[in-house]
Amino acid sequence: MTTIRWYFEDFYEGLVIDAGSCVVDAEELDAFARRYDPQPFHIDAEAAAASIYGSVIASGWQTCSLMMRLMVDGLLHETASLGSPGLDEVRWIKPVRAGDTLHVRAITTGTRSSISKPERGIVQWLWEARNQHGEVVTTIVSMGMVGRRPVAIGESADA
């Protein structure tokens, strides 16, 4: 059983949370691309060498998947998360290659209480992945529904 550390009330604009890092594995890169995004610059070394990228690169969708895993492990698993109503923007800024180390962080860009569902609120984030050189490679503008901290019986919500 996971202990909830983060409730809606704990998030504020400007809060930065380190979600961890991972190394992009060459076999996983190839397997993901072959199954979900088999464009030549993802699966064919010769074609990739002749492309604008110069070598095989990860699918942007794989980078997003790696970011999601880090976000779950590094933040959402300990959050009163109720899911997400969606993403507003995904940007693939720089290519990601096998052997790169991705560092992911969540920057809270805003919060708002739900008027119709007072037991939750919406947290807006900028998810940012940087490579081992500190370069931003991918950003995701997202929002998550997050439960409010439970109030004990006899305790005021304003206490």
N, C-alpha and C. Protein backbone atom coordinates (compact mmCIF):
# COMPACT_ATOMS: atom_id res chain seq x y z
N MET A 1 0.85 -1.19 0.00
CA MET A 1 0.00 0.00 0.00
C MET A 1 0.88 1.25 0.00
N THR A 2 0.61 2.13 -0.91
CA THR A 2 1.39 3.36 -1.02
C THR A 2 0.82 4.43 -0.09
N THR A 3 1.70 5.16 0.55
CA THR A 3 1.31 6.28 1.39
C THR A 3 1.16 7.51 0.52
N ILE A 4 0.04 8.20 0.68
CA ILE A 4 -0.20 9.43 -0.07
C ILE A 4 0.57 10.56 0.62
N ARG A 5 1.44 11.17 -0.13
CA ARG A 5 2.26 12.28 0.35
C ARG A 5 1.77 13.63 -0.17
N TRP A 6 1.21 13.61 -1.38
CA TRP A 6 0.82 14.84 -2.05
C TRP A 6 -0.70 14.90 -2.26
N TYR A 7 -1.31 15.95 -1.74
CA TYR A 7 -2.72 16.24 -1.98
C TYR A 7 -2.80 17.57 -2.73
N PHE A 8 -3.97 17.88 -3.21
CA PHE A 8 -4.16 19.11 -3.98
C PHE A 8 -3.58 20.33 -3.26
N GLU A 9 -3.81 20.41 -1.95
CA GLU A 9 -3.36 21.57 -1.17
C GLU A 9 -1.83 21.72 -1.14
N ASP A 10 -1.11 20.67 -1.45
CA ASP A 10 0.36 20.71 -1.39
C ASP A 10 1.01 21.33 -2.62
N PHE A 11 0.25 21.51 -3.68
CA PHE A 11 0.80 22.04 -4.92
C PHE A 11 0.57 23.55 -5.00
N TYR A 12 1.58 24.24 -5.49
CA TYR A 12 1.50 25.69 -5.68
C TYR A 12 2.34 26.07 -6.90
N GLU A 13 1.97 27.18 -7.51
CA GLU A 13 2.67 27.63 -8.70
C GLU A 13 4.16 27.82 -8.40
N GLY A 14 5.00 27.24 -9.25
CA GLY A 14 6.44 27.34 -9.08
C GLY A 14 7.07 26.14 -8.38
N LEU A 15 6.26 25.27 -7.80
CA LEU A 15 6.80 24.07 -7.15
C LEU A 15 7.45 23.17 -8.20
N VAL A 16 8.70 22.79 -7.96
CA VAL A 16 9.43 21.91 -8.87
C VAL A 16 9.69 20.59 -8.16
N ILE A 17 9.30 19.51 -8.79
CA ILE A 17 9.49 18.18 -8.22
C ILE A 17 10.32 17.34 -9.18
N ASP A 18 11.43 16.81 -8.69
CA ASP A 18 12.30 15.93 -9.47
C ASP A 18 11.64 14.56 -9.51
N ALA A 19 11.34 14.07 -10.70
CA ALA A 19 10.68 12.77 -10.85
C ALA A 19 11.66 11.63 -11.12
N GLY A 20 12.95 11.94 -11.22
CA GLY A 20 13.94 10.88 -11.41
C GLY A 20 14.52 10.87 -12.81
N SER A 21 15.29 9.80 -13.07
CA SER A 21 15.96 9.69 -14.36
C SER A 21 16.01 8.24 -14.81
N CYS A 22 16.30 8.07 -16.10
CA CYS A 22 16.44 6.73 -16.68
C CYS A 22 17.37 6.83 -17.89
N VAL A 23 17.95 5.69 -18.22
CA VAL A 23 18.80 5.60 -19.41
C VAL A 23 17.97 4.98 -20.53
N VAL A 24 18.05 5.56 -21.72
CA VAL A 24 17.32 5.05 -22.87
C VAL A 24 18.07 3.81 -23.39
N ASP A 25 17.40 2.69 -23.32
CA ASP A 25 17.99 1.40 -23.70
C ASP A 25 17.83 1.17 -25.20
N ALA A 26 18.91 0.75 -25.87
CA ALA A 26 18.91 0.55 -27.33
C ALA A 26 17.90 -0.51 -27.75
N GLU A 27 17.83 -1.62 -27.03
CA GLU A 27 16.88 -2.68 -27.40
C GLU A 27 15.44 -2.23 -27.22
N GLU A 28 15.17 -1.51 -26.14
CA GLU A 28 13.82 -0.99 -25.91
C GLU A 28 13.45 0.05 -26.97
N LEU A 29 14.42 0.89 -27.34
CA LEU A 29 14.19 1.90 -28.38
C LEU A 29 13.75 1.21 -29.67
N ASP A 30 14.49 0.19 -30.06
CA ASP A 30 14.19 -0.52 -31.30
C ASP A 30 12.84 -1.25 -31.21
N ALA A 31 12.61 -1.94 -30.09
CA ALA A 31 11.36 -2.70 -29.94
C ALA A 31 10.15 -1.77 -29.95
N PHE A 32 10.23 -0.65 -29.23
CA PHE A 32 9.13 0.30 -29.19
C PHE A 32 8.84 0.82 -30.60
N ALA A 33 9.90 1.26 -31.29
CA ALA A 33 9.72 1.83 -32.63
C ALA A 33 9.15 0.81 -33.60
N ARG A 34 9.65 -0.40 -33.57
CA ARG A 34 9.14 -1.44 -34.48
C ARG A 34 7.66 -1.72 -34.23
N ARG A 35 7.27 -1.67 -32.98
CA ARG A 35 5.87 -1.99 -32.66
C ARG A 35 4.94 -0.80 -32.88
N TYR A 36 5.38 0.42 -32.50
CA TYR A 36 4.44 1.54 -32.48
C TYR A 36 4.75 2.69 -33.44
N ASP A 37 5.99 2.83 -33.87
CA ASP A 37 6.34 4.00 -34.68
C ASP A 37 7.48 3.63 -35.64
N PRO A 38 7.20 2.71 -36.59
CA PRO A 38 8.27 2.16 -37.43
C PRO A 38 8.71 3.07 -38.59
N GLN A 39 8.97 4.31 -38.29
CA GLN A 39 9.52 5.20 -39.30
C GLN A 39 11.01 4.87 -39.47
N PRO A 40 11.54 5.05 -40.68
CA PRO A 40 12.92 4.62 -40.96
C PRO A 40 13.98 5.19 -40.01
N PHE A 41 13.84 6.44 -39.58
CA PHE A 41 14.86 7.03 -38.70
C PHE A 41 14.78 6.50 -37.26
N HIS A 42 13.76 5.66 -36.99
CA HIS A 42 13.67 5.00 -35.68
C HIS A 42 14.17 3.57 -35.72
N ILE A 43 14.14 2.94 -36.91
CA ILE A 43 14.42 1.49 -36.95
C ILE A 43 15.52 1.06 -37.93
N ASP A 44 15.97 1.95 -38.77
CA ASP A 44 16.93 1.57 -39.82
C ASP A 44 18.16 2.48 -39.73
N ALA A 45 19.28 1.91 -39.29
CA ALA A 45 20.51 2.70 -39.06
C ALA A 45 20.97 3.41 -40.33
N GLU A 46 20.87 2.74 -41.48
CA GLU A 46 21.31 3.34 -42.74
C GLU A 46 20.42 4.52 -43.13
N ALA A 47 19.11 4.29 -43.04
CA ALA A 47 18.17 5.37 -43.37
C ALA A 47 18.31 6.53 -42.39
N ALA A 48 18.52 6.21 -41.12
CA ALA A 48 18.67 7.25 -40.11
C ALA A 48 19.93 8.07 -40.34
N ALA A 49 21.01 7.39 -40.75
CA ALA A 49 22.26 8.09 -41.03
C ALA A 49 22.09 9.09 -42.17
N ALA A 50 21.23 8.77 -43.12
CA ALA A 50 20.98 9.65 -44.26
C ALA A 50 19.92 10.72 -43.96
N SER A 51 19.30 10.62 -42.80
CA SER A 51 18.24 11.56 -42.43
C SER A 51 18.81 12.83 -41.80
N ILE A 52 17.94 13.74 -41.48
CA ILE A 52 18.36 14.98 -40.80
C ILE A 52 18.90 14.71 -39.40
N TYR A 53 18.67 13.51 -38.86
CA TYR A 53 19.09 13.18 -37.49
C TYR A 53 20.49 12.58 -37.43
N GLY A 54 20.96 11.97 -38.52
CA GLY A 54 22.30 11.42 -38.57
C GLY A 54 22.49 10.06 -37.93
N SER A 55 21.53 9.64 -37.14
CA SER A 55 21.56 8.31 -36.52
C SER A 55 20.16 7.99 -36.02
N VAL A 56 19.97 6.75 -35.59
CA VAL A 56 18.67 6.32 -35.09
C VAL A 56 18.29 7.14 -33.85
N ILE A 57 17.04 7.57 -33.82
CA ILE A 57 16.52 8.31 -32.67
C ILE A 57 15.30 7.61 -32.12
N ALA A 58 15.02 7.87 -30.86
CA ALA A 58 13.84 7.31 -30.20
C ALA A 58 12.58 7.97 -30.76
N SER A 59 11.51 7.21 -30.80
CA SER A 59 10.21 7.79 -31.10
C SER A 59 9.88 8.80 -30.00
N GLY A 60 9.30 9.92 -30.39
CA GLY A 60 8.85 10.89 -29.39
C GLY A 60 7.85 10.28 -28.44
N TRP A 61 7.04 9.34 -28.96
CA TRP A 61 6.04 8.69 -28.11
C TRP A 61 6.71 7.81 -27.06
N GLN A 62 7.87 7.24 -27.40
CA GLN A 62 8.60 6.47 -26.40
C GLN A 62 9.14 7.41 -25.32
N THR A 63 9.65 8.55 -25.74
CA THR A 63 10.14 9.53 -24.77
C THR A 63 9.00 9.94 -23.83
N CYS A 64 7.82 10.17 -24.38
CA CYS A 64 6.66 10.51 -23.54
C CYS A 64 6.34 9.36 -22.58
N SER A 65 6.43 8.14 -23.06
CA SER A 65 6.16 6.97 -22.21
C SER A 65 7.18 6.87 -21.08
N LEU A 66 8.44 7.11 -21.39
CA LEU A 66 9.48 7.09 -20.35
C LEU A 66 9.22 8.20 -19.33
N MET A 67 8.82 9.36 -19.81
CA MET A 67 8.49 10.47 -18.91
C MET A 67 7.32 10.09 -18.01
N MET A 68 6.31 9.45 -18.58
CA MET A 68 5.15 9.06 -17.79
C MET A 68 5.55 8.09 -16.70
N ARG A 69 6.40 7.11 -17.04
CA ARG A 69 6.83 6.14 -16.03
C ARG A 69 7.57 6.84 -14.88
N LEU A 70 8.45 7.76 -15.23
CA LEU A 70 9.17 8.50 -14.19
C LEU A 70 8.22 9.35 -13.36
N MET A 71 7.23 9.96 -14.00
CA MET A 71 6.26 10.77 -13.27
C MET A 71 5.45 9.91 -12.30
N VAL A 72 5.07 8.71 -12.73
CA VAL A 72 4.32 7.82 -11.82
C VAL A 72 5.21 7.42 -10.65
N ASP A 73 6.42 6.95 -10.96
CA ASP A 73 7.31 6.49 -9.90
C ASP A 73 7.77 7.62 -8.98
N GLY A 74 8.01 8.79 -9.54
CA GLY A 74 8.59 9.87 -8.77
C GLY A 74 7.61 10.87 -8.18
N LEU A 75 6.35 10.80 -8.57
CA LEU A 75 5.37 11.76 -8.06
C LEU A 75 3.97 11.18 -7.92
N LEU A 76 3.41 10.73 -9.02
CA LEU A 76 1.98 10.37 -9.02
C LEU A 76 1.64 9.20 -8.12
N HIS A 77 2.60 8.28 -7.94
CA HIS A 77 2.36 7.11 -7.09
C HIS A 77 2.10 7.52 -5.64
N GLU A 78 2.64 8.67 -5.24
CA GLU A 78 2.44 9.18 -3.88
C GLU A 78 1.49 10.38 -3.84
N THR A 79 0.71 10.53 -4.89
CA THR A 79 -0.22 11.66 -5.00
C THR A 79 -1.65 11.12 -4.99
N ALA A 80 -2.55 11.90 -4.46
CA ALA A 80 -3.97 11.54 -4.48
C ALA A 80 -4.50 11.79 -5.89
N SER A 81 -3.84 11.16 -6.85
CA SER A 81 -4.15 11.36 -8.26
C SER A 81 -5.47 10.69 -8.64
N LEU A 82 -6.26 11.41 -9.39
CA LEU A 82 -7.54 10.90 -9.89
C LEU A 82 -7.53 10.80 -11.40
N GLY A 83 -6.34 10.82 -11.99
CA GLY A 83 -6.23 10.76 -13.44
C GLY A 83 -6.07 12.14 -14.03
N SER A 84 -6.20 12.20 -15.34
CA SER A 84 -5.99 13.45 -16.05
C SER A 84 -7.07 13.66 -17.09
N PRO A 85 -7.55 14.89 -17.23
CA PRO A 85 -8.49 15.18 -18.30
C PRO A 85 -7.81 15.37 -19.66
N GLY A 86 -6.45 15.34 -19.66
CA GLY A 86 -5.76 15.42 -20.94
C GLY A 86 -4.49 16.25 -20.90
N LEU A 87 -3.86 16.29 -22.04
CA LEU A 87 -2.64 17.08 -22.23
C LEU A 87 -2.97 18.24 -23.16
N ASP A 88 -2.29 19.34 -22.96
CA ASP A 88 -2.50 20.49 -23.83
C ASP A 88 -1.43 20.62 -24.90
N GLU A 89 -0.22 20.09 -24.62
CA GLU A 89 0.86 20.29 -25.58
C GLU A 89 1.98 19.29 -25.33
N VAL A 90 2.53 18.77 -26.41
CA VAL A 90 3.72 17.94 -26.37
C VAL A 90 4.70 18.53 -27.37
N ARG A 91 5.95 18.72 -26.94
CA ARG A 91 6.98 19.24 -27.83
C ARG A 91 8.20 18.33 -27.78
N TRP A 92 8.63 17.87 -28.95
CA TRP A 92 9.86 17.09 -29.08
C TRP A 92 10.92 18.06 -29.59
N ILE A 93 11.74 18.54 -28.70
CA ILE A 93 12.64 19.65 -28.98
C ILE A 93 13.98 19.20 -29.55
N LYS A 94 14.52 18.12 -28.99
CA LYS A 94 15.80 17.57 -29.46
C LYS A 94 15.66 16.07 -29.56
N PRO A 95 16.38 15.45 -30.49
CA PRO A 95 16.31 14.00 -30.61
C PRO A 95 16.86 13.30 -29.36
N VAL A 96 16.27 12.16 -29.07
CA VAL A 96 16.72 11.30 -27.97
C VAL A 96 17.29 10.04 -28.60
N ARG A 97 18.45 9.62 -28.11
CA ARG A 97 19.14 8.46 -28.68
C ARG A 97 19.40 7.42 -27.61
N ALA A 98 19.65 6.19 -28.05
CA ALA A 98 20.03 5.12 -27.13
C ALA A 98 21.25 5.57 -26.33
N GLY A 99 21.23 5.29 -25.05
CA GLY A 99 22.33 5.67 -24.17
C GLY A 99 22.14 7.01 -23.49
N ASP A 100 21.21 7.84 -23.99
CA ASP A 100 20.94 9.11 -23.33
C ASP A 100 20.33 8.85 -21.95
N THR A 101 20.64 9.73 -21.01
CA THR A 101 20.01 9.69 -19.69
C THR A 101 19.01 10.82 -19.64
N LEU A 102 17.75 10.47 -19.40
CA LEU A 102 16.69 11.47 -19.31
C LEU A 102 16.42 11.79 -17.84
N HIS A 103 16.40 13.07 -17.51
CA HIS A 103 16.06 13.56 -16.18
C HIS A 103 14.72 14.28 -16.33
N VAL A 104 13.74 13.90 -15.53
CA VAL A 104 12.40 14.47 -15.66
C VAL A 104 12.02 15.21 -14.38
N ARG A 105 11.40 16.35 -14.59
CA ARG A 105 10.87 17.11 -13.45
C ARG A 105 9.51 17.67 -13.82
N ALA A 106 8.72 17.91 -12.79
CA ALA A 106 7.39 18.50 -12.95
C ALA A 106 7.42 19.89 -12.31
N ILE A 107 7.02 20.88 -13.09
CA ILE A 107 6.96 22.25 -12.60
C ILE A 107 5.48 22.61 -12.52
N THR A 108 4.99 22.92 -11.33
CA THR A 108 3.59 23.30 -11.17
C THR A 108 3.41 24.71 -11.72
N THR A 109 2.51 24.83 -12.70
CA THR A 109 2.28 26.13 -13.34
C THR A 109 0.97 26.77 -12.90
N GLY A 110 0.16 26.02 -12.16
CA GLY A 110 -1.10 26.58 -11.66
C GLY A 110 -1.93 25.52 -10.97
N THR A 111 -2.88 25.98 -10.20
CA THR A 111 -3.85 25.10 -9.55
C THR A 111 -5.20 25.80 -9.55
N ARG A 112 -6.24 25.00 -9.56
CA ARG A 112 -7.58 25.58 -9.41
C ARG A 112 -8.49 24.55 -8.77
N SER A 113 -9.32 25.01 -7.88
CA SER A 113 -10.28 24.15 -7.22
C SER A 113 -11.41 23.82 -8.16
N SER A 114 -11.96 22.64 -8.00
CA SER A 114 -13.15 22.27 -8.77
C SER A 114 -14.38 22.86 -8.08
N ILE A 115 -15.19 23.56 -8.83
CA ILE A 115 -16.41 24.13 -8.26
C ILE A 115 -17.48 23.05 -8.12
N SER A 116 -17.59 22.19 -9.12
CA SER A 116 -18.64 21.16 -9.11
C SER A 116 -18.27 19.94 -8.27
N LYS A 117 -16.97 19.72 -8.03
CA LYS A 117 -16.52 18.57 -7.25
C LYS A 117 -15.52 19.06 -6.20
N PRO A 118 -16.03 19.54 -5.07
CA PRO A 118 -15.17 20.20 -4.07
C PRO A 118 -14.12 19.29 -3.43
N GLU A 119 -14.22 18.00 -3.63
CA GLU A 119 -13.24 17.06 -3.05
C GLU A 119 -11.97 16.95 -3.88
N ARG A 120 -11.88 17.74 -4.95
CA ARG A 120 -10.69 17.68 -5.82
C ARG A 120 -10.38 19.04 -6.43
N GLY A 121 -9.21 19.06 -7.05
CA GLY A 121 -8.79 20.24 -7.78
C GLY A 121 -7.98 19.82 -9.00
N ILE A 122 -7.62 20.79 -9.80
CA ILE A 122 -6.81 20.54 -11.00
C ILE A 122 -5.44 21.18 -10.77
N VAL A 123 -4.40 20.37 -11.02
CA VAL A 123 -3.03 20.87 -10.95
C VAL A 123 -2.50 20.90 -12.39
N GLN A 124 -1.96 22.04 -12.77
CA GLN A 124 -1.37 22.19 -14.11
C GLN A 124 0.14 22.10 -13.97
N TRP A 125 0.75 21.29 -14.86
CA TRP A 125 2.18 21.07 -14.81
C TRP A 125 2.83 21.29 -16.16
N LEU A 126 4.10 21.63 -16.11
CA LEU A 126 4.99 21.51 -17.25
C LEU A 126 5.94 20.37 -16.89
N TRP A 127 5.85 19.28 -17.65
CA TRP A 127 6.81 18.18 -17.48
C TRP A 127 7.96 18.47 -18.42
N GLU A 128 9.16 18.30 -17.91
CA GLU A 128 10.33 18.64 -18.69
C GLU A 128 11.33 17.48 -18.61
N ALA A 129 11.80 17.02 -19.77
CA ALA A 129 12.84 15.99 -19.82
C ALA A 129 14.10 16.64 -20.37
N ARG A 130 15.20 16.46 -19.65
CA ARG A 130 16.51 16.94 -20.09
C ARG A 130 17.42 15.75 -20.28
N ASN A 131 18.35 15.88 -21.21
CA ASN A 131 19.32 14.81 -21.41
C ASN A 131 20.51 15.00 -20.47
N GLN A 132 21.48 14.14 -20.60
CA GLN A 132 22.66 14.16 -19.73
C GLN A 132 23.50 15.43 -19.89
N HIS A 133 23.25 16.20 -20.93
CA HIS A 133 23.96 17.46 -21.16
C HIS A 133 23.17 18.66 -20.61
N GLY A 134 22.01 18.38 -20.01
CA GLY A 134 21.18 19.45 -19.48
C GLY A 134 20.29 20.10 -20.51
N GLU A 135 20.26 19.56 -21.72
CA GLU A 135 19.43 20.12 -22.79
C GLU A 135 17.99 19.61 -22.66
N VAL A 136 17.03 20.52 -22.79
CA VAL A 136 15.62 20.12 -22.78
C VAL A 136 15.34 19.37 -24.08
N VAL A 137 14.83 18.14 -23.97
CA VAL A 137 14.55 17.33 -25.16
C VAL A 137 13.05 17.20 -25.41
N THR A 138 12.25 17.21 -24.36
CA THR A 138 10.80 17.07 -24.51
C THR A 138 10.10 17.84 -23.40
N THR A 139 8.99 18.48 -23.76
CA THR A 139 8.13 19.11 -22.75
C THR A 139 6.69 18.66 -22.98
N ILE A 140 5.98 18.56 -21.89
CA ILE A 140 4.56 18.21 -21.93
C ILE A 140 3.82 19.17 -21.00
N VAL A 141 2.80 19.83 -21.52
CA VAL A 141 1.94 20.66 -20.70
C VAL A 141 0.73 19.79 -20.37
N SER A 142 0.56 19.55 -19.07
CA SER A 142 -0.48 18.60 -18.67
C SER A 142 -1.28 19.14 -17.49
N MET A 143 -2.30 18.42 -17.17
CA MET A 143 -3.09 18.73 -15.98
C MET A 143 -3.50 17.42 -15.34
N GLY A 144 -3.65 17.46 -14.04
CA GLY A 144 -4.07 16.28 -13.31
C GLY A 144 -5.15 16.63 -12.31
N MET A 145 -6.08 15.72 -12.14
CA MET A 145 -7.08 15.87 -11.09
C MET A 145 -6.47 15.26 -9.83
N VAL A 146 -6.48 16.05 -8.75
CA VAL A 146 -5.86 15.61 -7.51
C VAL A 146 -6.84 15.80 -6.37
N GLY A 147 -6.97 14.74 -5.56
CA GLY A 147 -7.88 14.79 -4.41
C GLY A 147 -7.37 15.71 -3.32
N ARG A 148 -8.33 16.29 -2.61
CA ARG A 148 -7.99 17.14 -1.45
C ARG A 148 -7.66 16.24 -0.26
N ARG A 149 -6.93 16.81 0.68
CA ARG A 149 -6.57 16.10 1.91
C ARG A 149 -7.86 15.79 2.67
N PRO A 150 -8.02 14.55 3.12
CA PRO A 150 -9.23 14.20 3.88
C PRO A 150 -9.30 14.98 5.18
N VAL A 151 -10.53 15.33 5.58
CA VAL A 151 -10.76 16.04 6.82
C VAL A 151 -11.31 15.04 7.82
N ALA A 152 -10.69 15.00 8.99
CA ALA A 152 -11.15 14.07 10.04
C ALA A 152 -12.51 14.50 10.55
N ILE A 153 -13.29 13.55 11.03
CA ILE A 153 -14.62 13.84 11.58
C ILE A 153 -14.46 14.79 12.75
N GLY A 154 -15.25 15.84 12.75
CA GLY A 154 -15.19 16.84 13.80
C GLY A 154 -14.17 17.94 13.53
N GLU A 155 -13.42 17.82 12.46
CA GLU A 155 -12.40 18.81 12.12
C GLU A 155 -12.95 19.71 11.02
N SER A 156 -12.65 20.97 11.08
CA SER A 156 -13.11 21.92 10.07
C SER A 156 -12.17 21.87 8.88
N ALA A 157 -12.72 21.99 7.69
CA ALA A 157 -11.90 22.04 6.46
C ALA A 157 -11.03 23.29 6.45
N ASP A 158 -11.43 24.33 7.21
CA ASP A 158 -10.67 25.58 7.25
C ASP A 158 -9.63 25.60 8.36
N ALA A 159 -9.57 24.56 9.16
CA ALA A 159 -8.65 24.52 10.32
C ALA A 159 -7.21 24.46 9.88
